[in-house]
Amino acid sequence: MPKDKLKTIYVCNQCGETSPRWLGRCPSCGAWNTMTEDVVAEPAKSSSGRAAAPVRVTGQTSLKPLKLKNVSTTEEKSRIVTGIAELDRVLGGGIVLGSVILIGGEPGIGKSTILLQLCGEVSRTRSVLYVTGEESVRQIKLRAVRLDVPQDNISIVAESDVDEICGLIEQMKPDLVVIDSIQTMRCTDVASSSGTVSQVKESSARFLNVAKTNEIPTFIVGHVNKDGAIAGPKVMEHIVDTVLYFEGDKTSQTLYFEGERHLAYRILRAVKNRYGSTNEIGMFDMTGKGLEQIENPSQVMLEGRPIGISGTCVACVMEGTRPVLSEIQALVTKTAFPSPRRTASGFDYNRMYLLLAVLEKRAGYVFGNQDVYINIIGGLKLDETACDLPVCLAMASSLLDLPVPEKTLAIGEVGLGGEVRSVPHLENRLREAQRVGFDTAIVPKHNLNMLDAAQFPGLRLVGVAYLREAINAIKINK
């Protein structure tokens, strides 16, 4: 294309707003430092010098609408069960036909691994097309052999031309397509390099059109930038049906595979799902044979737990419909600085300050001259108010150097008056604690009045109305 037909513009990677010059702040969405340089072709102009506009004939269209009542919604026809239970859980019961699923995560976190394993499971009964723009077909073959993936019904092509790929999909009509990755794809009629805002936006739109028209579910791998967000325009996350993240510890919360890259296990989380809940998580163990499902996440989270050490308490959080036990650690030590330090990993920093104020005002414990550190073991991020009580008990335990009994857990929200308020799904949480082997649960008194203790044999339920009562309970149990 001649150089005089190209022009340089600046595009906001959050909202897609364009500008002829660089701006520090996007005039449309107000985001800072999001304008990136791009090269596009100028639109064709008419003889009058104005951009030529398409001519629409009144009353003519090729569209053929369907009656809504004639659209099939039977579950067995509209979803593909992958055979990977943890992935099916996060997706809401399987892959919806025609859906486009975006999966992101840090380099090396396991995106390509889980997708190749997914292709192997689906290929047992259906045809799969794997499109790679980053690796050669030989490299994919070596990984498939290492993961012991069935290969008979998996077709693979190394290509980055979007139009060629779309044509191949329409010709083959596979039952599942994987695009790895969207940042390597390129539309030849868009005058910019791969990975730019224009290329990613246009490539995503074309893959989406093919997937919806032919009802072919499509997985798209997306790279992340240094801030943890998927690289490219934010509109890409809006147009897809599901966003999954394999996430590292330093990335932002947006389906995530999350957890430290150097830890053995991974957490898969959906942050957007048009066909299911965004609260479900799937847990996997990274092994030499690929990612293996973790059917008992509570047991994994509590492995290596210290016994007889102050400053630890077990909480139970609800991840969708699944209760998960997690260990909360707190370290309270005398400060060597004029202003004491406060640090929280996996727990809301402002919430920690609120709970410290309640402990001082309502329970009478002084933290003004103490450094306070909170850590959630396993890389989980606890944002549920039911974790308030175990966090308070962990901090009080460390301050008093009084260990919380090994088989005791706490559940409850703490109010500004020092009251312990009720939480939802308490029965499910207690059943999980009972299954893992806990013998004592400190719970809100209001919740306890509505429970039948006989349903939990071997589990002693201690109802507390105020925070001070909960701290006294661990003293008595000790």
Foldseek 3Di string as FASTA:
>chain_A
DDPVQKAKWWAFQAAGDIGNDDDQADPPPGDGPRTDIWMFGDADADPVRHHDDDDDDPPDDPDDDDDPVPDDDDPVVQFDQQPAVLVCVQQARHFGFLAEEEEEEAPLLAPVQVVQQSCLSSQVPWAEEEEAQDDDPVVVVVLCVQLVGDDPRYHYDYDQALVVVLVVCVVVVTQEYEYHALQRHAHPNTPGHRNEQVGSVVSLVSVSVSRNVSRHYYYHYFYADPQQHGRYHSVSVVVGAWYQDLYEQRHDDALHQYYHSPAQKTKGFINGHNNHDRQRIWMWGQDSSTTHGDPQQQVVQCPPPDALFALKAWFWDDRDPAIHIWIKGKAKAFDPDPFAAEEERLEDRVLVVLLQLLCCPQVPDDRRRIHMYMYIGGSHRDPDQQCSLRNSRSHVRNVVRNHQHPQEHETFHADSNQFTDADPPVVNRLVSSLVVPRQEYEHAQVVVVVDDCVVRPSHHYHHDTGSNVVNVVSVVVD
